[in-house]
Amino acid sequence: MKFMYCMLVAALPVLACKKDKNKDKAKACGIENPAVNIPWLKHTIDSFLVLKQFGEARVITYNGQDYINVQQATLSCWACGLYTCDGRRLTHPADSALYAQISMNGFPNSKVIARFGY
């Protein structure tokens, strides 16, 4: 009987804890699982995988707007892969002020939405 109480006490913490699997999943552009459900992002990640590259994609929210940063681990310019939700890369001269404002703080409020090649 004592053995059963010990087993119950030992098993109780394991059985009581449930991890919410969706808690840590970040949305991007209002879409769940963006690495699969945003076509241009999926294509970009797949292109890196074909080249055997690794890195991560992050969502950055700036002034209520989401931006996606796709970063290869081998690049030193960690903000060079900054995109709008529709897949347009922020590289045009007209984007320079916005790009500077977003990247100036080093993306403190960004969340990883996908890791690839690891």
Protein backbone atom coordinates (compact mmCIF):
# COMPACT_ATOMS: atom_id res chain seq x y z
CA MET A 1 0.00 0.00 0.00
CA LYS A 2 2.83 2.34 0.86
CA PHE A 3 4.35 1.63 -2.55
CA MET A 4 1.13 2.68 -4.30
CA TYR A 5 1.02 5.98 -2.40
CA CYS A 6 4.63 6.66 -3.38
CA MET A 7 3.85 5.91 -7.04
CA LEU A 8 0.80 8.17 -6.91
CA VAL A 9 2.79 11.03 -5.38
CA ALA A 10 5.54 10.56 -7.97
CA ALA A 11 3.10 10.44 -10.90
CA LEU A 12 0.84 13.27 -9.83
CA PRO A 13 3.07 16.18 -10.96
CA VAL A 14 3.61 14.56 -14.36
CA LEU A 15 -0.08 13.93 -14.88
CA ALA A 16 -1.15 17.35 -13.63
CA CYS A 17 1.02 19.34 -16.02
CA LYS A 18 -0.31 19.95 -19.49
CA LYS A 19 1.57 22.08 -21.93
CA ASP A 20 -0.50 24.18 -24.25
CA LYS A 21 1.01 23.31 -27.60
CA ASN A 22 -0.43 26.41 -29.29
CA LYS A 23 0.73 28.82 -26.59
CA ASP A 24 4.18 29.47 -28.03
CA LYS A 25 3.22 29.40 -31.70
CA ALA A 26 3.53 32.85 -33.18
CA LYS A 27 1.23 34.11 -35.89
CA ALA A 28 2.47 36.31 -38.69
CA CYS A 29 0.26 38.60 -40.71
CA GLY A 30 -2.76 37.13 -38.92
CA ILE A 31 -1.97 33.62 -40.20
CA GLU A 32 -1.23 30.58 -38.05
CA ASN A 33 1.72 28.41 -39.05
CA PRO A 34 3.03 31.07 -41.46
CA ALA A 35 6.01 29.00 -42.65
CA VAL A 36 3.53 26.65 -44.31
CA ASN A 37 0.50 28.85 -44.94
CA ILE A 38 2.16 31.93 -46.48
CA PRO A 39 3.20 30.79 -49.99
CA TRP A 40 6.08 33.21 -50.57
CA LEU A 41 7.56 32.45 -47.12
CA LYS A 42 7.30 28.69 -47.68
CA HIS A 43 9.02 29.10 -51.06
CA THR A 44 11.80 31.21 -49.50
CA ILE A 45 12.43 28.69 -46.73
CA ASP A 46 12.33 25.79 -49.20
CA SER A 47 14.91 27.61 -51.36
CA PHE A 48 17.27 27.86 -48.40
CA LEU A 49 16.76 24.18 -47.60
CA VAL A 50 17.63 23.16 -51.17
CA LEU A 51 20.91 25.05 -50.75
CA LYS A 52 21.43 23.33 -47.37
CA GLN A 53 21.30 26.68 -45.56
CA PHE A 54 19.95 27.12 -42.07
CA GLY A 55 18.45 30.02 -40.18
CA GLU A 56 15.14 31.32 -38.91
CA ALA A 57 12.14 33.43 -39.79
CA ARG A 58 10.81 35.97 -37.31
CA VAL A 59 7.75 38.17 -37.18
CA ILE A 60 8.40 41.77 -36.18
CA THR A 61 5.48 44.02 -35.25
CA TYR A 62 6.10 47.71 -35.80
CA ASN A 63 3.34 50.32 -35.42
CA GLY A 64 0.71 47.57 -35.53
CA GLN A 65 2.02 46.16 -38.83
CA ASP A 66 3.72 42.76 -39.13
CA TYR A 67 6.96 42.31 -41.03
CA ILE A 68 8.80 39.05 -41.59
CA ASN A 69 12.57 38.75 -41.28
CA VAL A 70 14.09 35.68 -42.95
CA GLN A 71 17.66 35.28 -41.77
CA GLN A 72 20.27 32.83 -42.92
CA ALA A 73 22.60 31.96 -40.07
CA THR A 74 25.63 32.73 -42.27
CA LEU A 75 24.64 36.33 -43.06
CA SER A 76 26.03 39.13 -40.97
CA CYS A 77 23.26 41.53 -42.02
CA TRP A 78 20.48 40.13 -39.87
CA ALA A 79 17.89 42.62 -41.12
CA CYS A 80 18.61 42.22 -44.85
CA GLY A 81 15.76 39.74 -45.29
CA LEU A 82 12.97 42.02 -44.11
CA TYR A 83 9.65 41.54 -45.95
CA THR A 84 6.11 42.87 -45.83
CA CYS A 85 3.25 40.41 -45.36
CA ASP A 86 2.69 40.21 -49.11
CA GLY A 87 6.31 39.17 -49.70
CA ARG A 88 7.75 42.48 -50.87
CA ARG A 89 11.31 42.92 -49.67
CA LEU A 90 12.12 46.23 -47.97
CA THR A 91 15.01 47.27 -50.18
CA HIS A 92 13.57 50.04 -52.32
CA PRO A 93 14.80 53.62 -51.73
CA ALA A 94 11.30 54.58 -50.63
CA ASP A 95 11.55 51.94 -47.87
CA SER A 96 14.80 53.26 -46.39
CA ALA A 97 13.21 55.38 -43.63
CA LEU A 98 10.83 52.58 -42.60
CA TYR A 99 13.64 50.02 -42.76
CA ALA A 100 15.83 52.19 -40.53
CA GLN A 101 13.06 52.70 -37.98
CA ILE A 102 12.21 49.00 -37.80
CA SER A 103 15.79 47.75 -37.62
CA MET A 104 17.15 50.52 -35.35
CA ASN A 105 16.07 48.77 -32.16
CA GLY A 106 17.32 45.32 -33.15
CA PHE A 107 13.85 43.78 -33.25
CA PRO A 108 13.25 43.45 -29.49
CA ASN A 109 9.60 42.45 -29.97
CA SER A 110 10.22 39.79 -32.61
CA LYS A 111 9.12 36.16 -32.32
CA VAL A 112 10.53 33.14 -34.09
CA ILE A 113 7.93 31.66 -36.43
CA ALA A 114 10.16 29.02 -38.08
CA ARG A 115 13.62 27.52 -37.86
CA PHE A 116 14.95 25.81 -40.95
CA GLY A 117 17.84 23.54 -41.79
CA TYR A 118 18.67 22.61 -38.19
